[in-house]
Amino acid sequence: MVNSNSNINSINQTQMSSETFAKTFISTFLTVFIAELGDKTQIATLLLSAGSGKPILVFIGAATALICTSLIGVILGSWLSQRISDNLLNNLAGFSMLLIGLYLLSDLSLTNLDLVKLL
C-alpha cells in the first residue's frame, strides 16, 4: 500500500512540474514576443537584413544577441531575487518604469516646445 501511495505522489509531482514548466515557458515566450514586436531591435534587424542581403546571417546574429541579453537578465534577476524580497523587487521595478515614463514624457514635452519655437 505504501508503494502505491508513493507512486501516486510521484506522478502528481511530475504533473505539477510539467504544468509549472509549461506555464512558465508559455508566459515568458508570450511576454518577450509581444514586447519585441515593432520595437527598435526589430526595426534595426529589418534594416540590417534588407541592407546586407544576408537574412540568415542577420537572423543568427540577432538571435544570438537576444539570447545573450536574456541571459544577462535571467542571471541578474536570479541574483536579485536571492537578496531582495519579491515585494521590494516589484516596487522597485514599478518605480523604475514610472521614472522612465515621466522622463520620456518630459523629453517629449521639451521637444514639442522646441518645435513650437521653430514655427
Protein backbone atom coordinates (compact mmCIF):
# COMPACT_ATOMS: atom_id res chain seq x y z
CA MET A 1 0.00 0.00 0.00
CA VAL A 2 2.84 2.41 0.82
CA ASN A 3 4.44 1.78 -2.56
CA SER A 4 1.23 2.68 -4.43
CA ASN A 5 0.88 5.95 -2.48
CA SER A 6 4.46 6.94 -3.25
CA ASN A 7 3.84 6.18 -6.95
CA ILE A 8 0.75 8.40 -6.93
CA ASN A 9 2.69 11.19 -5.19
CA SER A 10 5.49 10.85 -7.72
CA ILE A 11 3.02 11.06 -10.63
CA ASN A 12 1.32 14.11 -9.08
CA GLN A 13 4.67 15.86 -8.61
CA THR A 14 5.65 15.10 -12.22
CA GLN A 15 2.34 16.51 -13.50
CA MET A 16 2.69 19.62 -11.35
CA SER A 17 6.28 20.08 -12.51
CA SER A 18 5.35 19.80 -16.19
CA GLU A 19 2.39 22.19 -15.69
CA THR A 20 4.68 24.69 -13.99
CA PHE A 21 7.23 24.31 -16.79
CA ALA A 22 4.59 24.83 -19.48
CA LYS A 23 3.04 27.81 -17.70
CA THR A 24 6.40 29.49 -17.11
CA PHE A 25 7.63 28.79 -20.64
CA ILE A 26 4.45 29.99 -22.36
CA SER A 27 4.10 33.15 -20.25
CA THR A 28 7.76 34.03 -20.78
CA PHE A 29 7.57 33.40 -24.52
CA LEU A 30 4.42 35.47 -24.96
CA THR A 31 5.69 38.34 -22.81
CA VAL A 32 9.00 38.63 -24.68
CA PHE A 33 7.41 38.02 -28.08
CA ILE A 34 4.81 40.77 -27.61
CA ALA A 35 7.35 43.16 -26.07
CA GLU A 36 9.73 42.71 -29.01
CA LEU A 37 7.15 43.24 -31.77
CA GLY A 38 7.76 46.54 -33.51
CA ASP A 39 10.48 47.74 -31.18
CA LYS A 40 13.81 49.30 -32.18
CA THR A 41 15.52 45.92 -32.28
CA GLN A 42 13.06 44.51 -34.79
CA ILE A 43 13.31 47.62 -36.98
CA ALA A 44 17.11 47.51 -36.83
CA THR A 45 17.05 43.82 -37.75
CA LEU A 46 14.72 44.55 -40.66
CA LEU A 47 17.05 47.28 -41.94
CA LEU A 48 20.17 45.13 -41.48
CA SER A 49 18.55 42.27 -43.34
CA ALA A 50 17.44 44.49 -46.20
CA GLY A 51 20.80 46.25 -46.41
CA SER A 52 23.04 43.22 -46.16
CA GLY A 53 21.13 40.87 -48.41
CA LYS A 54 22.06 38.06 -46.00
CA PRO A 55 18.92 37.48 -43.93
CA ILE A 56 20.12 34.17 -42.44
CA LEU A 57 23.29 35.76 -41.03
CA VAL A 58 21.28 38.72 -39.70
CA PHE A 59 18.84 36.28 -38.06
CA ILE A 60 21.67 34.31 -36.43
CA GLY A 61 23.34 37.49 -35.18
CA ALA A 62 20.09 38.99 -33.85
CA ALA A 63 19.01 35.72 -32.22
CA THR A 64 22.41 35.33 -30.55
CA ALA A 65 22.25 38.91 -29.26
CA LEU A 66 18.73 38.36 -27.87
CA ILE A 67 19.84 35.15 -26.17
CA CYS A 68 22.83 36.94 -24.57
CA THR A 69 20.76 39.89 -23.33
CA SER A 70 18.13 37.50 -21.99
CA LEU A 71 20.85 35.53 -20.20
CA ILE A 72 22.07 38.71 -18.53
CA GLY A 73 18.50 39.47 -17.41
CA VAL A 74 18.00 35.96 -16.05
CA ILE A 75 21.30 35.97 -14.16
CA LEU A 76 20.68 39.45 -12.72
CA GLY A 77 17.08 38.58 -11.83
CA SER A 78 18.16 35.37 -10.12
CA TRP A 79 20.87 37.20 -8.18
CA LEU A 80 18.47 39.96 -7.11
CA SER A 81 15.74 37.52 -6.08
CA GLN A 82 18.15 35.92 -3.60
CA ARG A 83 18.96 39.27 -1.99
CA ILE A 84 15.74 41.31 -2.22
CA SER A 85 12.18 40.35 -1.29
CA ASP A 86 9.66 39.87 -4.11
CA ASN A 87 7.58 42.78 -2.83
CA LEU A 88 10.54 45.18 -2.80
CA LEU A 89 11.68 43.97 -6.23
CA ASN A 90 8.19 44.57 -7.68
CA ASN A 91 8.05 48.03 -6.11
CA LEU A 92 11.49 48.94 -7.45
CA ALA A 93 10.56 47.72 -10.93
CA GLY A 94 7.30 49.70 -10.86
CA PHE A 95 9.06 52.82 -9.60
CA SER A 96 11.73 52.48 -12.31
CA MET A 97 9.06 52.19 -15.01
CA LEU A 98 7.30 55.25 -13.59
CA LEU A 99 10.54 57.25 -13.67
CA ILE A 100 11.27 56.16 -17.24
CA GLY A 101 7.74 57.11 -18.30
CA LEU A 102 8.00 60.54 -16.66
CA TYR A 103 11.39 61.11 -18.28
CA LEU A 104 10.05 60.20 -21.71
CA LEU A 105 7.01 62.45 -21.23
CA SER A 106 9.17 65.38 -20.12
CA ASP A 107 11.52 64.83 -23.04
CA LEU A 108 8.55 64.74 -25.40
CA SER A 109 7.11 67.96 -24.00
CA LEU A 110 10.51 69.68 -24.30
CA THR A 111 10.78 68.53 -27.90
CA ASN A 112 7.31 69.87 -28.64
CA LEU A 113 8.24 73.23 -27.07
CA ASP A 114 11.31 73.43 -29.30
CA LEU A 115 9.14 72.72 -32.35
CA VAL A 116 6.70 75.46 -31.34
CA LYS A 117 9.60 77.92 -31.02
CA LEU A 118 10.79 77.00 -34.51
CA LEU A 119 7.39 77.73 -36.01
